[in-house]
Protein backbone atom coordinates (compact mmCIF):
# COMPACT_ATOMS: atom_id res chain seq x y z
CA MET A 1 46.61 59.42 -161.78
CA SER A 2 43.19 58.22 -161.84
CA GLY A 3 40.63 59.63 -163.83
CA PRO A 4 36.73 60.77 -163.62
CA GLY A 5 35.88 57.12 -165.27
CA HIS A 6 38.46 55.42 -162.71
CA ARG A 7 36.42 57.19 -159.92
CA ARG A 8 33.05 56.68 -161.07
CA HIS A 9 34.10 52.56 -161.64
CA TRP A 10 35.11 52.73 -157.99
CA TRP A 11 32.03 53.93 -156.48
CA GLN A 12 30.22 51.75 -158.83
CA TRP A 13 31.69 48.46 -157.56
CA LEU A 14 31.29 50.02 -153.57
CA VAL A 15 27.62 50.44 -154.09
CA GLY A 16 27.31 46.96 -156.10
CA VAL A 17 29.06 45.32 -152.94
CA VAL A 18 27.09 47.51 -150.28
CA LEU A 19 24.01 46.41 -152.00
CA LEU A 20 25.40 42.86 -151.97
CA VAL A 21 25.33 42.73 -148.74
CA VAL A 22 21.94 44.07 -147.75
CA LEU A 23 20.61 41.56 -149.70
CA VAL A 24 22.37 38.68 -148.07
CA VAL A 25 21.99 40.14 -144.30
CA GLY A 26 18.11 40.92 -145.32
CA GLY A 27 17.51 37.65 -146.96
CA ALA A 28 18.96 35.81 -144.10
CA ALA A 29 16.69 37.51 -141.92
CA ILE A 30 13.77 37.31 -143.70
CA PHE A 31 14.80 33.25 -144.28
CA VAL A 32 15.47 32.85 -140.28
CA LYS A 33 12.74 34.70 -138.90
CA SER A 34 9.76 33.16 -141.28
CA GLN A 35 10.51 29.80 -140.80
CA PRO A 36 7.61 28.10 -138.51
CA SER A 37 8.67 27.62 -135.45
CA ALA A 38 6.23 25.50 -132.73
CA VAL A 39 5.15 27.03 -129.17
CA PRO A 40 7.20 24.57 -126.34
CA LEU A 41 4.98 21.59 -125.31
CA THR A 42 3.10 22.34 -122.01
CA LEU A 43 0.22 20.98 -120.35
CA PRO A 44 -3.08 21.82 -121.94
CA SER A 45 -4.12 25.43 -120.93
CA ALA A 46 -7.79 23.95 -119.87
CA ALA A 47 -8.32 23.22 -116.15
CA ALA A 48 -7.63 19.35 -114.36
CA ARG A 49 -10.65 17.64 -113.92
CA ALA A 50 -11.55 16.11 -110.41
CA SER A 51 -9.69 12.67 -109.80
CA ALA A 52 -9.94 10.52 -106.78
CA GLY A 53 -8.41 7.69 -105.46
CA SER A 54 -5.19 5.60 -105.80
CA ALA A 55 -2.64 6.21 -109.08
CA ASP A 56 -1.24 3.01 -108.68
CA GLY A 57 -1.36 1.10 -111.85
CA THR A 58 0.39 0.69 -114.73
CA TRP A 59 -0.18 3.82 -116.81
CA ASP A 60 0.19 3.74 -121.23
CA VAL A 61 0.70 6.65 -123.57
CA THR A 62 -2.49 7.11 -125.47
CA ALA A 63 -3.50 9.42 -128.49
CA GLY A 64 -2.94 13.16 -127.90
CA SER A 65 0.39 12.72 -126.51
CA VAL A 66 3.38 14.63 -129.00
CA ALA A 67 7.17 15.11 -128.79
CA GLY A 68 10.17 16.35 -130.74
CA PHE A 69 12.80 19.04 -130.56
CA ARG A 70 13.90 22.81 -130.52
CA ILE A 71 16.91 24.13 -131.77
CA ARG A 72 18.77 27.68 -132.26
CA GLU A 73 19.50 28.84 -135.62
CA SER A 74 21.09 31.92 -136.23
CA VAL A 75 22.51 33.31 -138.99
CA LEU A 76 24.46 36.80 -139.17
CA GLY A 77 22.88 38.09 -135.87
CA PHE A 78 19.55 36.94 -136.58
CA GLY A 79 17.96 33.93 -134.78
CA ASN A 80 14.73 31.59 -134.53
CA ASP A 81 13.95 28.20 -133.30
CA VAL A 82 13.83 25.25 -135.10
CA THR A 83 11.70 22.65 -134.17
CA GLY A 84 10.21 19.30 -134.92
CA ARG A 85 7.04 17.07 -133.73
CA THR A 86 5.86 14.00 -133.69
CA THR A 87 2.65 12.16 -132.12
CA ALA A 88 4.90 8.66 -132.85
CA VAL A 89 4.89 8.44 -129.30
CA THR A 90 4.29 4.89 -126.92
CA GLY A 91 5.31 4.21 -123.48
CA THR A 92 4.47 3.30 -120.04
CA ALA A 93 5.14 3.94 -116.30
CA VAL A 94 4.16 2.43 -113.79
CA ILE A 95 3.43 3.66 -110.18
CA THR A 96 3.27 1.99 -107.06
CA GLY A 97 2.77 3.00 -103.72
CA GLY A 98 2.97 6.68 -104.74
CA ARG A 99 6.25 6.31 -106.70
CA VAL A 100 6.80 6.06 -110.24
CA THR A 101 8.95 3.07 -109.94
CA SER A 102 9.77 2.84 -113.72
CA ALA A 103 8.95 4.82 -116.77
CA VAL A 104 9.86 4.55 -120.65
CA PHE A 105 9.53 6.24 -123.45
CA ARG A 106 10.09 5.54 -127.58
CA ILE A 107 10.06 8.58 -129.82
CA GLY A 108 9.99 7.57 -133.84
CA LEU A 109 11.89 9.67 -135.09
CA THR A 110 11.48 8.75 -138.77
CA ALA A 111 7.48 10.64 -138.25
CA ILE A 112 9.12 13.88 -137.03
CA THR A 113 8.50 16.85 -139.19
CA VAL A 114 10.11 20.24 -139.35
CA GLY A 115 7.31 22.55 -140.20
CA GLY A 116 4.81 20.46 -140.84
CA LYS A 117 7.54 18.67 -143.94
CA PRO A 118 10.03 15.53 -143.52
CA SER A 119 13.04 16.98 -142.63
CA PRO A 120 16.17 14.74 -144.61
CA GLN A 121 18.93 16.87 -142.97
CA PHE A 122 17.92 15.57 -139.94
CA ALA A 123 16.71 12.24 -140.38
CA THR A 124 20.61 12.40 -141.64
CA SER A 125 22.14 13.82 -138.66
CA LEU A 126 20.10 11.41 -136.56
CA ASP A 127 20.71 8.21 -139.03
CA THR A 128 17.26 7.33 -138.45
CA ALA A 129 18.06 4.92 -141.12
CA ALA A 130 20.05 3.03 -138.46
CA HIS A 131 18.15 3.83 -135.39
CA PRO A 132 14.48 4.86 -136.07
CA ASP A 133 14.00 5.40 -132.63
CA ALA A 134 14.75 8.00 -129.19
CA THR A 135 14.32 6.07 -125.93
CA ILE A 136 13.78 8.24 -122.43
CA THR A 137 13.86 6.13 -119.68
CA LEU A 138 13.28 6.85 -116.26
CA ALA A 139 16.56 6.60 -113.90
CA GLY A 140 15.75 5.38 -109.87
CA ARG A 141 12.10 6.01 -108.57
CA ALA A 142 10.79 9.10 -108.16
CA ARG A 143 7.60 10.31 -105.27
CA LEU A 144 4.91 11.99 -106.09
CA PRO A 145 3.83 14.81 -103.92
CA ALA A 146 0.44 14.63 -101.74
CA GLY A 147 -1.04 16.68 -104.24
CA PHE A 148 -0.82 15.19 -107.78
CA SER A 149 -3.72 12.58 -106.50
CA GLY A 150 -6.04 15.60 -106.08
CA GLY A 151 -5.22 17.21 -109.22
CA GLN A 152 -2.40 19.76 -108.38
CA THR A 153 0.28 20.54 -111.22
CA VAL A 154 3.29 19.03 -110.01
CA THR A 155 6.74 19.59 -111.00
CA ALA A 156 10.31 17.60 -110.57
CA SER A 157 13.62 17.52 -112.04
CA LEU A 158 14.88 13.66 -112.24
CA PRO A 159 17.43 11.76 -113.44
CA GLY A 160 17.04 9.66 -116.57
CA GLN A 161 18.96 8.45 -119.65
CA LEU A 162 18.29 9.01 -123.39
CA THR A 163 19.17 6.59 -126.05
CA LEU A 164 19.73 8.27 -129.28
CA ARG A 165 21.82 6.74 -132.32
CA GLY A 166 22.21 4.20 -130.18
CA VAL A 167 24.38 6.08 -127.56
CA THR A 168 22.59 5.84 -123.84
CA ARG A 169 23.43 9.17 -122.13
CA PRO A 170 22.53 10.67 -118.23
CA VAL A 171 20.06 13.31 -118.30
CA THR A 172 18.43 15.19 -116.17
CA ILE A 173 14.10 15.35 -117.16
CA THR A 174 12.41 18.70 -115.82
CA VAL A 175 8.67 17.50 -115.88
CA SER A 176 5.27 19.07 -114.64
CA ALA A 177 2.75 16.63 -114.18
CA ARG A 178 -0.81 16.33 -113.07
CA ARG A 179 -4.11 13.97 -113.13
CA ASP A 180 -6.81 15.29 -114.94
CA GLY A 181 -9.50 12.97 -114.34
CA ALA A 182 -9.02 9.67 -115.44
CA ALA A 183 -5.69 10.36 -117.63
CA VAL A 184 -2.22 11.52 -116.45
CA GLU A 185 -0.44 14.22 -118.31
CA ALA A 186 2.97 15.41 -118.09
CA ALA A 187 5.40 17.44 -120.07
CA GLY A 188 8.96 18.43 -119.87
CA SER A 189 11.88 18.70 -121.75
CA LEU A 190 15.62 17.41 -121.25
CA PRO A 191 18.83 19.44 -122.65
CA VAL A 192 20.62 17.39 -125.73
CA ALA A 193 24.22 18.74 -126.32
CA SER A 194 24.63 17.33 -130.15
CA GLY A 195 28.29 16.12 -129.20
CA ARG A 196 27.44 13.43 -126.49
CA TRP A 197 25.29 11.48 -128.88
CA GLY A 198 28.12 12.00 -132.05
CA ILE A 199 25.50 13.85 -133.88
CA THR A 200 26.65 15.71 -136.88
CA LEU A 201 24.15 18.82 -137.75
CA PRO A 202 23.08 19.95 -141.24
CA ALA A 203 25.82 22.83 -142.76
CA GLY A 204 23.56 25.48 -142.69
CA PHE A 205 24.47 29.07 -144.17
CA GLY A 206 27.80 27.94 -143.15
CA PHE A 207 30.54 30.53 -141.86
CA LEU A 208 27.44 33.21 -142.20
CA GLY A 209 25.92 31.09 -139.31
CA GLY A 210 24.06 27.78 -138.53
CA LEU A 211 22.09 25.77 -135.83
CA SER A 212 23.67 25.92 -131.91
CA SER A 213 25.04 22.55 -130.82
CA ARG A 214 22.40 22.49 -127.84
CA ALA A 215 19.22 21.44 -128.51
CA THR A 216 16.13 21.00 -126.43
CA ALA A 217 13.70 17.22 -126.38
CA GLU A 218 10.48 18.16 -125.45
CA PHE A 219 7.01 16.41 -124.84
CA LEU A 220 3.82 16.28 -123.72
CA LEU A 221 2.53 12.66 -122.26
CA ILE A 222 -1.15 11.83 -122.19
CA LEU A 223 -1.69 9.01 -120.37
CA HIS A 224 -4.45 6.17 -119.63
CA ARG A 225 -4.49 3.48 -116.51
CA ARG A 226 -4.25 -0.03 -118.47
CA GLU A 227 -7.54 -2.10 -117.62
């Protein structure tokens, strides 16, 4: 038969296990919730300035443009978005006869920061040493609605291609755009399922949780017409 000392030892062990679980769950929740998460990239909130005339021409990405990613991280039921950002964005869109006839944008992956700091884990997952850039290309032509030239915000879902880690896959790009004085502003996103590009995500918290296999690429482009 077990004596008082044995029962006391069993209760001490049980209390210790409960405290350990509480510490693990509480620590995971605090860690996940405390990670910085940037707001989604959208068009600037200020009202667009009046613009007139045709939008035809070649438009280049300029200062103020940002791109990055958003991916859900979950641990023991607690979740938060991990976000990366970079201003290393270049590219060109060509508008002819009220249509976007071509558009190619390049994002420098080696310059992406997570929470304002470089992330070696994501650099490894994206293999930035061998493939330092991602490219978004418009597939086909897109007609601009009549209100675009007058400064109205227009939205569309466009076919495109995303090249990542040297692999090109078709994607659907959701974009909002408007003219703002001498500039064209465009903000949007596209889904990125890691398996389609052979991305191996960081291990994270192991069996306790980790990163979703589905991420979102985001962008805000400020373009000016080439002289």
